[in-house]
Amino acid sequence: MRKLNYIIMCTALMLINQSGIYAHPYDDVPAGHWAYEAINELSEKGVISCIDTKVFSGNKPTDRYTMASWLAKGLAEIEVKYGKNSSSLDKDSVNSIEKLSNEFSDELSLLAVKYNGIEEDLSVVKEDVANLKKDVAEIKEEIKNSGDKVLIGGDFLIRGTDLKYPHGNPGVHQTASLLRFKFIMNIDKDVMAVVRWRMMNGLGDSGTWRGANHTTGICDLAFLQLKNKLDGDILLGRTFEATGHSLLINQYVDVARYTTKKGDLTYQLNSYFNRKSDSDEYQIWNLNIKQNKKDCNYYIGFYGQHAPAGYSLTNKANDPQVTDSSRYDIELGSHGKLGKCDNFSYDVSAVFTKLKQDYVGGVNNIDDNGKIGYVALNYEPKTEFAGKVSYYIADKEAHGGLFLGGDRRLAYAPESPLEDITRLDNLMLVMNHFLINGDTHNFTDTKIQVEYKPKSRPKHYFRLAYDLLREQKDKVNGIDNYNPLGTDSGEADVFTAEYRYTISRNLKWKSGFTRFMYDGKYRKATDTDAGHGKQNNPVSPDCDYNLFWTELYTKF
C-alpha cells in the first residue's frame, strides 16, 4: 500500500507551514477527543507498541505538543516494522494513521516531522521514496533535539492581472511578485521564536497585490512565544491575527498576548497595534473568551480603543478638527455542526459597535451605535462537491472593522465573510468601492458558493461564487445614507470563478475572473448611472469592471 509508505516518507521531511495564519501549537487535546481512541485502536491491533495507552485514556487533556511527540514515535516504529511492506495493514489502520498525521501536522513540523496531506490520486507524488527516507535513529535524534533546531523555509509568488472597464478605458495590466523566508527557532519545548522576511514588488502591507510599482523588504512575522509562563502562554511581536469570524480584526498586527485556560474555557488578553504608513495605529485592548465543545465552539470578544485630539477613528487618519475619538466593540459568535448531520455546519456572528467622536466647536459630532451580522450554512460532505450560503449585514452606523484585509484567499488563507467583493481593493489602488478605511456600513451581501474537487483528478480545484450587494434603504432627514459603493441607492452583483491546479506538491497554479456589475444612481440630481459613468468625469463613480488574474505559487 503506497499510501502508508507516503505517510512514513513524510515523517522524514523537515518542512515548514507557510500559510498566512500561524497555528497555535500548544492547545490542549480535550478529554474525549477522537485521537485517543485512534491511538488505542492502533495499539490494540499491534500496529504500534511504543506508547503506553494508559496515558490516552481520555480522562484528562494532553497538550498538542506532547501528543505530537508520542505520535512521531509511533510513526517511527511503523517505519521499522513495515517499511515498504505495508500491505498487511488493514484499511482502517491506514486511515487512522493518515487522519492523526493530518490533525497534528503543524505540531509535527516543530519536531521536524511535517505531514503535508495525501492526494487521492498518488500520481501527484512521483519522487523516489527511497531517496527521501532517513534512518530511524536519525529521526528519533531530531525529535529529541528539536528544541535546538532552526527550521528554514519559504515561498515565492508571481501574479499578473488584467483589469478592463466596459466604457472605453483601455485597461490596466500589472504584474507583482512576493518572496518570503520563514525561520522557526525552537529554543526549548516552551520557548519558540518565529521570523518571516519578505521582499515584495507591487505588493502592499497585507501581502496582497496593491498595484504600486515598488520593491520593499519587511518582516511580516516576528514574534516570541512562551509557554507555561504565569499560568498561561505569552506571545510578543508581529503576527497575523483573525479573531472570531474576521468581522473586526483580520490583518497583520503587533500584539502583546496572554492566554490561559480554565476547564473548557480559554481566556485571551491582547494589546493590538496595526502598522500603517510606517507608524502604528492607536492601541486596541481586547479580551476574548472561548469555549470549545465536541461539535461546536462559542466565543465573545470585547474591544476598546481611544485616540487623542488630532486623530479620527472614523477615517483612521490625522484630523486637526477632532478633539476626542473613541470606540468600543463587542463580537460574539459560534461555529459547529448543524444537529447530528456531519455534512452541514453553521457560522453565526454578531458585532455591536459604538463610536464617539467630538469636533472643534461641537459641530458634526458623531455618536454612532452600529450593528454587524453574519450567518453561513456550509455543506462539506466527504464527496467532490462543497458549498455554502451566507448573509452579511452592516447598518448605517457600523464603522466596519478595526483592522481588515477582506480577501484572504489571495494569501492562501481561510476566506473571510467579505471575500471576493473586496478583491480589487486588495489588488489595486485604482478604484474606490469597498473597505475604504475598513468602512463596511449600510449594505448587505448575500453569497452563494460552490466548490468542486474531483476525486479522479485531485490536482484540480474549481470554485464559483456569486455575491449580491444591496444598500439598506434607511434614511436620516429624508437623505439616503451612502454605502461603500459610493453611490446613492447602490447595488452590485459580483460573479467570481476560480481554478487551481497542483503542478507538484509545492508548486501551484491559480487563475480567476471577477465580474463586478454596479447598479443604482450616483447622484439623483444628475441621474448618473453608477455602472456607466463617463470617463475622466471627476464626479463619476467607479464603473463596472472585469478583472482577470493568474499566478504561480511555490514553497520550499
Protein backbone atom coordinates (compact mmCIF):
# COMPACT_ATOMS: atom_id res chain seq x y z
CA MET A 1 0.00 0.00 0.00
CA ARG A 2 1.84 3.07 -1.27
CA LYS A 3 -0.40 5.39 0.74
CA LEU A 4 1.13 4.31 4.05
CA ASN A 5 4.63 4.42 2.56
CA TYR A 6 3.99 8.02 1.62
CA ILE A 7 2.82 8.82 5.16
CA ILE A 8 6.00 7.32 6.58
CA MET A 9 8.08 9.16 3.99
CA CYS A 10 6.55 12.44 5.16
CA THR A 11 7.77 11.79 8.70
CA ALA A 12 11.30 12.21 7.35
CA LEU A 13 10.75 15.60 5.72
CA MET A 14 11.69 18.80 7.54
CA LEU A 15 9.18 21.28 6.14
CA ILE A 16 7.55 24.40 7.48
CA ASN A 17 3.92 25.53 7.35
CA GLN A 18 3.75 28.58 5.05
CA SER A 19 0.11 29.62 5.29
CA GLY A 20 -0.81 33.20 6.15
CA ILE A 21 -2.18 32.21 9.56
CA TYR A 22 0.15 30.67 12.09
CA ALA A 23 -1.47 27.84 14.09
CA HIS A 24 -1.07 27.83 17.89
CA PRO A 25 0.90 24.63 18.61
CA TYR A 26 0.20 24.19 22.32
CA ASP A 27 -3.60 23.93 22.60
CA ASP A 28 -4.89 21.00 24.66
CA VAL A 29 -6.33 17.87 23.09
CA PRO A 30 -9.55 17.76 25.18
CA ALA A 31 -10.79 14.73 27.04
CA GLY A 32 -12.84 12.50 24.76
CA HIS A 33 -11.05 13.67 21.57
CA TRP A 34 -11.10 11.07 18.78
CA ALA A 35 -7.26 10.96 18.74
CA TYR A 36 -7.19 8.97 22.00
CA GLU A 37 -9.43 6.28 20.53
CA ALA A 38 -7.41 6.15 17.30
CA ILE A 39 -4.13 5.64 19.20
CA ASN A 40 -5.71 2.94 21.36
CA GLU A 41 -7.04 1.08 18.31
CA LEU A 42 -3.62 1.10 16.63
CA SER A 43 -2.05 -0.18 19.85
CA GLU A 44 -4.62 -2.96 20.33
CA LYS A 45 -4.02 -4.16 16.77
CA GLY A 46 -0.28 -4.28 17.42
CA VAL A 47 0.48 -1.66 14.77
CA ILE A 48 2.31 0.35 17.42
CA SER A 49 3.57 -0.76 20.81
CA CYS A 50 5.91 2.04 21.89
CA ILE A 51 3.14 4.06 23.52
CA ASP A 52 1.65 3.40 26.93
CA THR A 53 -2.05 3.68 26.06
CA LYS A 54 -2.95 4.35 29.68
CA VAL A 55 -1.94 7.96 29.13
CA PHE A 56 -4.52 8.08 26.32
CA SER A 57 -7.45 7.09 28.47
CA GLY A 58 -9.09 10.41 27.70
CA ASN A 59 -9.79 11.22 31.35
CA LYS A 60 -7.71 14.36 31.18
CA PRO A 61 -6.49 16.52 28.27
CA THR A 62 -2.97 16.27 26.84
CA ASP A 63 -1.35 19.26 25.16
CA ARG A 64 -0.90 19.02 21.39
CA TYR A 65 2.90 19.28 21.56
CA THR A 66 3.12 16.17 23.77
CA MET A 67 0.58 14.31 21.64
CA ALA A 68 2.62 15.08 18.52
CA SER A 69 5.80 13.81 20.23
CA TRP A 70 4.16 10.46 21.00
CA LEU A 71 2.68 10.26 17.52
CA ALA A 72 6.11 10.86 15.97
CA LYS A 73 7.50 7.92 17.98
CA GLY A 74 4.63 5.75 16.74
CA LEU A 75 5.31 6.71 13.11
CA ALA A 76 8.98 5.91 13.56
CA GLU A 77 8.04 2.47 14.93
CA ILE A 78 5.79 1.80 11.91
CA GLU A 79 8.75 2.65 9.67
CA VAL A 80 10.85 -0.02 11.40
CA LYS A 81 8.11 -2.69 11.46
CA TYR A 82 6.70 -2.40 7.98
CA GLY A 83 8.90 -0.27 5.76
CA LYS A 84 7.69 -0.75 2.20
CA ASN A 85 5.81 -3.94 3.07
CA SER A 86 2.64 -2.24 4.35
CA SER A 87 0.10 -4.41 2.54
CA SER A 88 -0.54 -6.38 5.74
CA LEU A 89 -2.13 -3.31 7.36
CA ASP A 90 -5.91 -3.05 7.16
CA LYS A 91 -7.61 -0.02 5.61
CA ASP A 92 -8.88 1.31 8.96
CA SER A 93 -5.35 1.41 10.38
CA VAL A 94 -4.04 3.28 7.35
CA ASN A 95 -6.92 5.77 7.60
CA SER A 96 -6.24 6.31 11.32
CA ILE A 97 -2.56 6.98 10.66
CA GLU A 98 -3.41 9.41 7.89
CA LYS A 99 -6.02 11.24 9.99
CA LEU A 100 -3.70 11.55 13.01
CA SER A 101 -0.83 12.83 10.86
CA ASN A 102 -3.07 15.42 9.23
CA GLU A 103 -4.57 16.59 12.57
CA PHE A 104 -1.17 17.19 14.19
CA SER A 105 0.75 18.30 11.09
CA ASP A 106 1.58 21.78 12.50
CA GLU A 107 2.91 20.34 15.75
CA LEU A 108 4.88 17.65 13.93
CA SER A 109 6.57 20.39 11.90
CA LEU A 110 8.08 21.72 15.13
CA LEU A 111 9.53 18.24 15.65
CA ALA A 112 10.95 18.19 12.12
CA VAL A 113 8.17 15.81 11.08
CA LYS A 114 5.82 17.65 8.70
CA TYR A 115 2.92 15.80 7.08
CA ASN A 116 1.53 17.61 4.07
CA GLY A 117 -1.59 15.54 3.35
CA ILE A 118 -2.23 12.80 0.84
CA GLU A 119 -3.87 13.27 -2.51
CA GLU A 120 -6.46 10.69 -3.51
CA ASP A 121 -4.55 10.20 -6.73
CA LEU A 122 -0.99 9.16 -5.84
CA SER A 123 0.17 10.20 -9.29
CA VAL A 124 0.82 13.61 -7.68
CA VAL A 125 3.79 12.06 -5.91
CA LYS A 126 6.50 10.96 -8.34
CA GLU A 127 9.56 11.30 -6.13
CA ASP A 128 11.68 8.32 -5.32
CA VAL A 129 10.68 7.29 -1.79
CA ALA A 130 13.94 5.50 -1.15
CA ASN A 131 15.96 8.67 -1.74
CA LEU A 132 13.86 10.64 0.77
CA LYS A 133 13.78 8.19 3.68
CA LYS A 134 16.03 8.80 6.64
CA ASP A 135 17.49 6.47 9.14
CA VAL A 136 15.02 5.91 12.05
CA ALA A 137 17.69 6.63 14.61
CA GLU A 138 18.35 9.98 12.96
CA ILE A 139 14.64 10.85 13.08
CA LYS A 140 14.49 9.99 16.79
CA GLU A 141 17.56 12.14 17.38
CA GLU A 142 15.91 15.05 15.54
CA ILE A 143 12.81 14.66 17.69
CA LYS A 144 14.91 14.56 20.83
CA ASN A 145 16.88 17.64 19.85
CA SER A 146 14.11 19.54 18.07
CA GLY A 147 14.40 22.34 20.61
CA ASP A 148 17.87 23.08 19.24
CA LYS A 149 16.74 23.20 15.62
CA VAL A 150 16.31 26.26 13.45
CA LEU A 151 13.84 25.37 10.71
CA ILE A 152 14.01 27.40 7.49
CA GLY A 153 11.55 27.53 4.63
CA GLY A 154 9.92 29.97 2.30
CA ASP A 155 7.64 30.60 -0.62
CA PHE A 156 7.54 32.58 -3.85
CA LEU A 157 4.59 34.01 -5.79
CA ILE A 158 4.31 35.78 -9.10
CA ARG A 159 0.94 37.18 -10.19
CA GLY A 160 -0.37 39.01 -13.22
CA THR A 161 -3.73 40.76 -13.59
CA ASP A 162 -5.73 42.39 -16.34
CA LEU A 163 -8.39 44.96 -15.44
CA LYS A 164 -10.86 46.32 -18.01
CA TYR A 165 -13.65 48.90 -17.91
CA PRO A 166 -16.54 48.43 -20.33
CA HIS A 167 -16.91 52.18 -21.00
CA GLY A 168 -13.74 52.62 -23.02
CA ASN A 169 -10.80 52.54 -20.62
CA PRO A 170 -8.00 50.59 -22.35
CA GLY A 171 -7.41 48.54 -19.20
CA VAL A 172 -4.73 48.10 -16.55
CA HIS A 173 -2.14 45.34 -16.88
CA GLN A 174 0.22 44.70 -13.98
CA THR A 175 2.46 42.02 -12.52
CA ALA A 176 3.70 41.53 -8.98
CA SER A 177 5.98 39.17 -7.08
CA LEU A 178 6.45 38.08 -3.48
CA LEU A 179 9.39 36.20 -1.95
CA ARG A 180 9.34 35.11 1.71
CA PHE A 181 11.72 33.28 4.05
CA LYS A 182 10.49 31.90 7.36
CA PHE A 183 12.64 30.90 10.34
CA ILE A 184 11.35 28.89 13.31
CA MET A 185 13.70 28.67 16.27
CA ASN A 186 12.79 26.12 18.95
CA ILE A 187 14.79 27.44 21.89
CA ASP A 188 13.28 24.70 24.05
CA LYS A 189 9.90 22.98 24.24
CA ASP A 190 8.42 26.03 26.00
CA VAL A 191 10.07 28.83 24.02
CA MET A 192 9.82 29.42 20.29
CA ALA A 193 10.75 32.37 18.06
CA VAL A 194 9.38 32.92 14.55
CA VAL A 195 10.59 35.41 11.94
CA ARG A 196 9.42 35.76 8.35
CA TRP A 197 11.04 38.22 5.97
CA ARG A 198 9.52 39.11 2.62
CA MET A 199 10.55 41.08 -0.42
CA MET A 200 7.70 42.49 -2.49
CA ASN A 201 7.30 44.14 -5.84
CA GLY A 202 3.92 45.75 -6.37
CA LEU A 203 2.56 44.28 -3.13
CA GLY A 204 1.00 46.09 -0.18
CA ASP A 205 1.44 45.76 3.57
CA SER A 206 -1.05 42.88 3.77
CA GLY A 207 0.98 40.77 1.36
CA THR A 208 -1.62 41.03 -1.38
CA TRP A 209 -1.16 42.97 -4.58
CA ARG A 210 -1.68 46.71 -4.33
CA GLY A 211 -0.62 47.65 -7.82
CA ALA A 212 2.07 50.21 -6.95
CA ASN A 213 5.39 49.65 -8.71
CA HIS A 214 7.74 49.46 -5.79
CA THR A 215 10.05 46.95 -4.15
CA THR A 216 10.23 46.67 -0.38
CA GLY A 217 11.57 44.24 2.18
CA ILE A 218 9.93 43.86 5.59
CA CYS A 219 9.34 41.34 8.36
CA ASP A 220 5.63 40.50 8.42
CA LEU A 221 6.07 37.86 11.16
CA ALA A 222 8.39 38.38 14.10
CA PHE A 223 7.26 37.04 17.46
CA LEU A 224 8.40 35.21 20.57
CA GLN A 225 6.10 32.57 22.04
CA LEU A 226 6.48 31.48 25.67
CA LYS A 227 4.58 28.53 27.10
CA ASN A 228 3.76 27.87 30.76
CA LYS A 229 4.59 31.37 31.94
CA LEU A 230 2.43 32.99 34.63
CA ASP A 231 -0.01 30.06 34.45
CA GLY A 232 -0.52 30.59 30.72
CA ASP A 233 1.13 31.33 27.38
CA ILE A 234 2.61 34.63 26.21
CA LEU A 235 3.15 35.90 22.65
CA LEU A 236 5.03 39.12 21.88
CA GLY A 237 5.62 40.58 18.43
CA ARG A 238 4.13 40.83 14.96
CA THR A 239 1.84 38.11 13.64
CA PHE A 240 -1.26 37.56 11.56
CA GLU A 241 -4.48 37.83 13.54
CA ALA A 242 -8.04 36.79 12.65
CA THR A 243 -10.38 36.98 15.63
CA GLY A 244 -13.84 35.44 15.70
CA HIS A 245 -15.34 35.38 12.21
CA SER A 246 -12.96 38.10 10.95
CA LEU A 247 -15.54 40.87 11.18
CA LEU A 248 -13.32 43.23 13.21
CA ILE A 249 -9.70 42.06 13.01
CA ASN A 250 -8.21 40.19 10.04
CA GLN A 251 -4.74 41.57 9.40
CA TYR A 252 -1.05 41.61 10.31
CA VAL A 253 -0.72 43.33 13.70
CA ASP A 254 1.73 43.92 16.51
CA VAL A 255 0.43 42.25 19.65
CA ALA A 256 1.21 41.54 23.27
CA ARG A 257 -0.89 38.49 24.20
CA TYR A 258 -1.56 36.41 27.27
CA THR A 259 -3.60 33.18 27.04
CA THR A 260 -4.75 30.92 29.85
CA LYS A 261 -7.20 28.01 30.14
CA LYS A 262 -9.62 27.10 32.89
CA GLY A 263 -11.52 23.91 32.16
CA ASP A 264 -13.01 24.14 28.66
CA LEU A 265 -12.75 27.96 28.65
CA THR A 266 -9.87 29.85 27.05
CA TYR A 267 -9.18 33.44 28.11
CA GLN A 268 -7.04 35.69 25.92
CA LEU A 269 -5.96 39.27 26.61
CA ASN A 270 -4.50 41.22 23.67
CA SER A 271 -3.00 44.63 23.09
CA TYR A 272 -3.05 45.35 19.33
CA PHE A 273 -1.33 47.82 17.05
CA ASN A 274 -1.63 47.97 13.26
CA ARG A 275 1.20 49.41 11.18
CA LYS A 276 0.16 51.92 8.54
CA SER A 277 2.35 54.40 6.69
CA ASP A 278 5.39 53.38 8.75
CA SER A 279 3.59 54.08 12.03
CA ASP A 280 1.37 52.20 14.49
CA GLU A 281 -2.29 53.00 14.90
CA TYR A 282 -3.57 53.74 18.36
CA GLN A 283 -3.66 50.79 20.74
CA ILE A 284 -6.64 48.44 20.94
CA TRP A 285 -7.33 46.44 24.10
CA ASN A 286 -9.12 43.15 23.59
CA LEU A 287 -10.40 40.35 25.83
CA ASN A 288 -11.57 37.10 24.18
CA ILE A 289 -13.34 34.22 25.93
CA LYS A 290 -13.81 30.97 24.00
CA GLN A 291 -15.48 27.68 24.91
CA ASN A 292 -14.76 24.53 22.89
CA LYS A 293 -17.31 21.73 22.83
CA LYS A 294 -17.18 18.45 20.96
CA ASP A 295 -19.16 19.64 17.93
CA CYS A 296 -19.10 23.42 18.27
CA ASN A 297 -17.41 26.40 19.85
CA TYR A 298 -18.60 29.73 21.24
CA TYR A 299 -16.74 32.98 21.72
CA ILE A 300 -17.15 36.57 22.81
CA GLY A 301 -14.68 39.42 22.37
CA PHE A 302 -14.52 42.90 23.90
CA TYR A 303 -12.56 45.73 22.22
CA GLY A 304 -11.69 49.26 23.28
CA GLN A 305 -9.73 52.00 21.51
CA HIS A 306 -9.11 55.66 22.29
CA ALA A 307 -7.31 58.27 20.20
CA PRO A 308 -6.25 61.72 21.43
CA ALA A 309 -7.04 65.05 19.83
CA GLY A 310 -5.97 65.37 16.24
CA TYR A 311 -6.76 61.80 15.10
CA SER A 312 -10.01 60.50 13.58
CA LEU A 313 -11.01 56.87 14.21
CA THR A 314 -13.71 57.12 11.54
CA ASN A 315 -11.21 58.00 8.79
CA LYS A 316 -8.20 56.38 10.51
CA ALA A 317 -6.11 59.43 9.73
CA ASN A 318 -4.91 62.64 11.33
CA ASP A 319 -7.60 65.35 11.57
CA PRO A 320 -6.85 68.61 13.43
CA GLN A 321 -10.60 69.27 13.86
CA VAL A 322 -11.05 66.17 16.09
CA THR A 323 -10.82 66.85 19.82
CA ASP A 324 -11.52 63.32 21.08
CA SER A 325 -12.22 59.94 19.46
CA SER A 326 -13.04 56.53 20.96
CA ARG A 327 -14.78 53.27 20.04
CA TYR A 328 -15.97 50.17 21.89
CA ASP A 329 -16.97 46.90 20.21
CA ILE A 330 -18.39 43.53 21.23
CA GLU A 331 -18.21 40.49 18.95
CA LEU A 332 -19.83 37.14 19.75
CA GLY A 333 -20.46 34.06 17.68
CA SER A 334 -20.36 30.32 17.21
CA HIS A 335 -19.28 27.67 14.73
CA GLY A 336 -20.16 23.99 14.72
CA LYS A 337 -22.08 21.08 13.29
CA LEU A 338 -25.72 21.51 12.40
CA GLY A 339 -27.52 18.98 14.59
CA LYS A 340 -26.32 15.41 14.16
CA CYS A 341 -25.50 15.82 10.48
CA ASP A 342 -21.78 15.65 9.74
CA ASN A 343 -22.22 17.18 6.30
CA PHE A 344 -23.60 20.53 7.44
CA SER A 345 -22.09 23.16 9.70
CA TYR A 346 -23.00 26.72 10.61
CA ASP A 347 -21.27 30.02 11.29
CA VAL A 348 -23.00 32.85 13.09
CA SER A 349 -21.61 36.11 14.46
CA ALA A 350 -22.87 39.49 15.65
CA VAL A 351 -20.95 42.70 16.31
CA PHE A 352 -22.11 45.74 18.27
CA THR A 353 -20.06 48.89 17.81
CA LYS A 354 -20.07 52.30 19.50
CA LEU A 355 -18.02 55.14 18.06
CA LYS A 356 -17.92 58.62 19.59
CA GLN A 357 -16.00 61.47 18.03
CA ASP A 358 -16.02 65.16 19.00
CA TYR A 359 -15.02 68.07 16.79
CA VAL A 360 -13.85 71.63 17.41
CA GLY A 361 -16.86 73.76 18.30
CA GLY A 362 -19.08 70.73 18.77
CA VAL A 363 -20.16 70.81 15.12
CA ASN A 364 -20.98 67.46 13.43
CA ASN A 365 -20.10 65.40 16.49
CA ILE A 366 -20.52 61.63 15.96
CA ASP A 367 -22.18 59.24 18.41
CA ASP A 368 -22.97 56.07 16.45
CA ASN A 369 -24.20 52.70 17.69
CA GLY A 370 -23.78 50.19 14.88
CA LYS A 371 -24.57 46.52 14.30
CA ILE A 372 -22.96 43.93 12.01
CA GLY A 373 -24.22 40.38 11.48
CA TYR A 374 -23.02 37.30 9.63
CA VAL A 375 -24.57 33.86 9.19
CA ALA A 376 -23.50 30.99 6.92
CA LEU A 377 -24.66 27.45 6.19
CA ASN A 378 -21.82 25.21 4.99
CA TYR A 379 -22.17 21.90 3.12
CA GLU A 380 -18.99 19.81 3.37
CA PRO A 381 -19.68 16.14 2.57
CA LYS A 382 -16.95 13.56 2.01
CA THR A 383 -17.53 13.84 -1.72
CA GLU A 384 -16.34 16.02 -4.57
CA PHE A 385 -18.69 18.96 -4.02
CA ALA A 386 -18.93 21.52 -1.22
CA GLY A 387 -20.86 24.74 -0.92
CA LYS A 388 -22.20 27.48 1.30
CA VAL A 389 -24.80 30.21 1.51
CA SER A 390 -24.03 33.26 3.66
CA TYR A 391 -25.53 36.62 4.54
CA TYR A 392 -23.68 39.72 5.80
CA ILE A 393 -25.36 42.91 7.01
CA ALA A 394 -23.99 46.17 8.42
CA ASP A 395 -26.23 49.10 9.33
CA LYS A 396 -25.67 52.80 8.64
CA GLU A 397 -23.83 53.41 11.95
CA ALA A 398 -21.46 50.45 11.75
CA HIS A 399 -17.98 51.79 11.07
CA GLY A 400 -16.56 48.49 9.92
CA GLY A 401 -13.56 46.59 11.16
CA LEU A 402 -10.74 47.74 13.35
CA PHE A 403 -8.11 46.14 11.07
CA LEU A 404 -9.42 44.33 7.98
CA GLY A 405 -7.95 42.73 4.89
CA GLY A 406 -11.03 41.18 3.35
CA ASP A 407 -9.65 38.99 0.56
CA ARG A 408 -7.64 36.29 2.36
CA ARG A 409 -7.90 33.62 -0.35
CA LEU A 410 -5.25 35.57 -2.26
CA ALA A 411 -2.87 34.78 0.61
CA TYR A 412 -3.86 31.06 0.69
CA ALA A 413 -5.69 31.54 3.97
CA PRO A 414 -9.27 30.72 5.07
CA GLU A 415 -11.74 33.00 3.34
CA SER A 416 -13.35 35.90 5.14
CA PRO A 417 -17.04 36.94 5.13
CA LEU A 418 -16.13 39.77 2.72
CA GLU A 419 -14.30 37.50 0.30
CA ASP A 420 -14.42 38.30 -3.46
CA ILE A 421 -16.23 41.65 -3.10
CA THR A 422 -13.01 43.23 -1.78
CA ARG A 423 -10.69 41.72 -4.38
CA LEU A 424 -9.96 44.92 -6.27
CA ASP A 425 -9.15 46.80 -3.05
CA ASN A 426 -6.51 44.21 -2.26
CA LEU A 427 -5.15 44.13 -5.80
CA MET A 428 -5.07 47.72 -6.99
CA LEU A 429 -5.45 51.30 -5.85
CA VAL A 430 -7.37 52.34 -8.93
CA MET A 431 -10.92 52.06 -7.58
CA ASN A 432 -12.73 53.23 -4.50
CA HIS A 433 -15.51 50.88 -3.50
CA PHE A 434 -15.14 48.54 -0.52
CA LEU A 435 -13.21 48.56 2.74
CA ILE A 436 -12.17 52.18 2.47
CA ASN A 437 -10.55 52.54 5.91
CA GLY A 438 -12.39 49.35 6.89
CA ASP A 439 -15.76 51.10 6.48
CA THR A 440 -18.37 48.49 5.50
CA HIS A 441 -21.57 50.23 6.62
CA ASN A 442 -25.11 50.41 5.26
CA PHE A 443 -25.21 47.37 2.96
CA THR A 444 -25.94 43.65 2.77
CA ASP A 445 -24.15 40.84 0.95
CA THR A 446 -25.82 37.55 0.05
CA LYS A 447 -23.26 34.98 -1.13
CA ILE A 448 -23.74 31.64 -2.88
CA GLN A 449 -20.66 29.49 -3.43
CA VAL A 450 -19.91 26.03 -4.87
CA GLU A 451 -16.56 24.18 -4.77
CA TYR A 452 -15.61 21.11 -6.79
CA LYS A 453 -12.65 18.81 -6.05
CA PRO A 454 -12.78 15.83 -8.45
CA LYS A 455 -11.57 12.63 -6.81
CA SER A 456 -10.43 11.16 -10.10
CA ARG A 457 -8.32 14.27 -10.78
CA PRO A 458 -7.19 15.55 -7.37
CA LYS A 459 -4.80 18.07 -8.89
CA HIS A 460 -7.77 20.22 -9.93
CA TYR A 461 -9.93 22.59 -7.90
CA PHE A 462 -12.87 24.73 -9.10
CA ARG A 463 -14.90 27.41 -7.34
CA LEU A 464 -17.87 29.56 -8.39
CA ALA A 465 -19.26 32.37 -6.22
CA TYR A 466 -21.97 34.97 -6.66
CA ASP A 467 -22.43 37.99 -4.38
CA LEU A 468 -25.49 40.22 -4.33
CA LEU A 469 -24.71 43.58 -2.71
CA ARG A 470 -27.57 45.84 -1.75
CA GLU A 471 -27.73 49.15 0.10
CA GLN A 472 -30.04 49.29 3.08
CA LYS A 473 -32.83 51.76 2.46
CA ASP A 474 -32.53 53.73 5.67
CA LYS A 475 -32.68 57.50 5.67
CA VAL A 476 -31.84 60.36 8.05
CA ASN A 477 -33.75 63.60 7.50
CA GLY A 478 -35.01 62.21 4.20
CA ILE A 479 -31.48 61.69 2.79
CA ASP A 480 -30.16 58.27 1.80
CA ASN A 481 -27.01 57.22 3.63
CA TYR A 482 -24.10 56.41 1.36
CA ASN A 483 -22.52 52.97 1.26
CA PRO A 484 -19.10 51.55 0.34
CA LEU A 485 -20.14 51.53 -3.33
CA GLY A 486 -20.01 55.33 -3.21
CA THR A 487 -23.42 55.51 -4.85
CA ASP A 488 -26.93 56.58 -3.98
CA SER A 489 -29.30 53.58 -3.79
CA GLY A 490 -26.32 51.47 -4.80
CA GLU A 491 -26.46 47.84 -5.90
CA ALA A 492 -23.89 45.46 -7.34
CA ASP A 493 -23.71 41.84 -8.46
CA VAL A 494 -20.33 40.13 -8.31
CA PHE A 495 -19.50 36.90 -10.14
CA THR A 496 -16.25 35.06 -9.33
CA ALA A 497 -14.74 31.96 -10.94
CA GLU A 498 -11.52 30.40 -9.67
CA TYR A 499 -9.42 27.45 -10.84
CA ARG A 500 -6.38 25.90 -9.18
CA TYR A 501 -4.03 23.24 -10.47
CA THR A 502 -1.44 21.41 -8.38
CA ILE A 503 1.58 21.02 -10.62
CA SER A 504 3.56 19.31 -7.88
CA ARG A 505 3.39 19.08 -4.12
CA ASN A 506 4.97 22.50 -3.65
CA LEU A 507 4.03 24.21 -6.92
CA LYS A 508 0.53 25.51 -7.68
CA TRP A 509 -1.06 27.49 -10.47
CA LYS A 510 -4.18 29.59 -9.87
CA SER A 511 -6.35 31.69 -12.17
CA GLY A 512 -9.55 33.59 -11.59
CA PHE A 513 -12.04 36.03 -13.03
CA THR A 514 -14.24 38.60 -11.29
CA ARG A 515 -17.09 40.46 -12.95
CA PHE A 516 -18.25 43.43 -10.84
CA MET A 517 -21.57 44.89 -12.07
CA TYR A 518 -22.71 48.15 -10.50
CA ASP A 519 -26.25 49.47 -10.48
CA GLY A 520 -28.07 52.39 -8.89
CA LYS A 521 -27.67 56.12 -9.25
CA TYR A 522 -24.53 58.03 -8.21
CA ARG A 523 -26.41 61.32 -7.87
CA LYS A 524 -30.19 61.53 -8.02
CA ALA A 525 -29.96 65.15 -9.14
CA THR A 526 -27.83 64.34 -12.20
CA ASP A 527 -29.26 60.85 -12.68
CA THR A 528 -25.79 59.48 -13.41
CA ASP A 529 -25.80 55.68 -13.83
CA ALA A 530 -23.34 54.14 -11.38
CA GLY A 531 -22.39 51.43 -13.84
CA HIS A 532 -21.75 53.65 -16.86
CA GLY A 533 -20.12 56.85 -15.65
CA LYS A 534 -18.24 58.95 -18.20
CA GLN A 535 -14.50 58.51 -18.45
CA ASN A 536 -12.41 61.24 -16.75
CA ASN A 537 -15.53 62.70 -15.13
CA PRO A 538 -14.37 63.92 -11.67
CA VAL A 539 -17.78 63.20 -10.11
CA SER A 540 -18.30 59.89 -11.89
CA PRO A 541 -18.25 56.86 -9.59
CA ASP A 542 -16.44 53.58 -10.07
CA CYS A 543 -17.81 51.66 -13.02
CA ASP A 544 -18.41 48.05 -13.91
CA TYR A 545 -15.19 46.13 -14.37
CA ASN A 546 -13.80 42.76 -15.41
CA LEU A 547 -10.75 41.51 -13.53
CA PHE A 548 -8.65 38.50 -14.55
CA TRP A 549 -5.71 37.22 -12.52
CA THR A 550 -3.28 34.33 -12.83
CA GLU A 551 -0.35 33.30 -10.64
CA LEU A 552 2.26 30.70 -9.83
CA TYR A 553 2.96 29.84 -6.19
CA THR A 554 5.70 27.62 -4.81
CA LYS A 555 7.10 26.86 -1.37
CA PHE A 556 10.39 25.39 -0.32
